């Protein structure tokens, strides 16, 4: 009867938490065998607990800990022979009083200082008149992922409503102005702008989806950083030329990084396009390349207005815009820098930002080098690697290759 109750509880728990099977299997590696000869446990219970491979706690009639797995200690559920959290004690009291299996999701402090929390799904059941078994699954990552997913869906829905609604209104206005050629032309131009913005948003969402499925560790290959820079700069030529902005590449690094070339090009192009978007017309955007001490750094410097300390803290968040009205006007989706952060993180690197109001911004990508020696200093985190010269009114009228002024100040 005893083993049947425990086995039934385990079966229910596995059914409810199938989505966390992988996490559970990982936890099993770190849980040591239980001493099956422990006389303080009821007959047969120790054998079941020995193969359970889960975070568990067995308490007696006065809530003293009779047995607990290493995972239960790691989760902070138990300290010494004491159940730490009042919520767990209240759960055991209900189970002891009613004699039923109860389940509850709890958010608990990770440690005695209360810094950080862990979300655990706890199931409790009576296994004898004296003992109660608690099973716990760490759902912190699962819960966080669900929150991110829900926020993302809500944000996407909101972002899609704006251009779709604008296109709908413009279509109605266009229909009512069929006999006015100037109005038709004006409304058609605005419809084209909104549809372009919608297409950009959809493309960024596709990129984020691709990031979720990308496995750089398994699918990556050696990539020439100069090729990444060259392709990203070439693809950013049209938006640069539309504002008379020169793209100036400085430095050279005979260095290879490991990863997905297309994703790296996308990340760097997003940085360059962002710099173009927030730079005044007739200026320069600098792209600097350096490699040293096993790190490859690519910096993008603009001559925009710079960012406040508050904006710097949030600029990599999804859908965050420093100037929402201006971003919509220039076609920004609020996803570009978030994509950059995820791409570089997936490649084992980092993205840093230096910015001051009135002095522009420098975004620096750092990636581990897999071969070759660098030829210059890698900028320190939080400092601008280089800055384009002051405003250059000369119009750009060159082909894409013309921007590769190796050795120029970037």
Foldseek 3Di string as FASTA:
>chain_A
DLVVVVVVVLVVVCVVVVVCVVVLVVLLVVWAFFDQPLPVDPPPPSVCVRPSSFFKFKAWQVRFTPDTIVVCVQQVQDDDRHGDDPVVVVVVVVCLVPQDKDKDWDWAQSDPVSPDTWIKIWIWGDSDNTMIMITIDTCRVVVVVVVVVVVVVVLLVVLLCVLVVLLVVLVVQLVVCVVPVVSVVVSVVVNVLSVLLNVVLVVLVVLVVVLVVDQQVPPKDKDFVVVLVLLLLQVCVVLCLVQLEAEAEEADWRFIAIGDSVLSSLLVNLVQNVQSLQAHGQFYWYWYWWFADQKIKIKIWHQGQWDDPVCQVPLLPAQDDPDVVSCSVSSHRRHNSVSNQSSLVSRVWGWAKATDGNGTIMIMIMHGTDDGHIDDDDDDGRDHPFYGDPGHNDGDDDHSVVNHPYNDTD
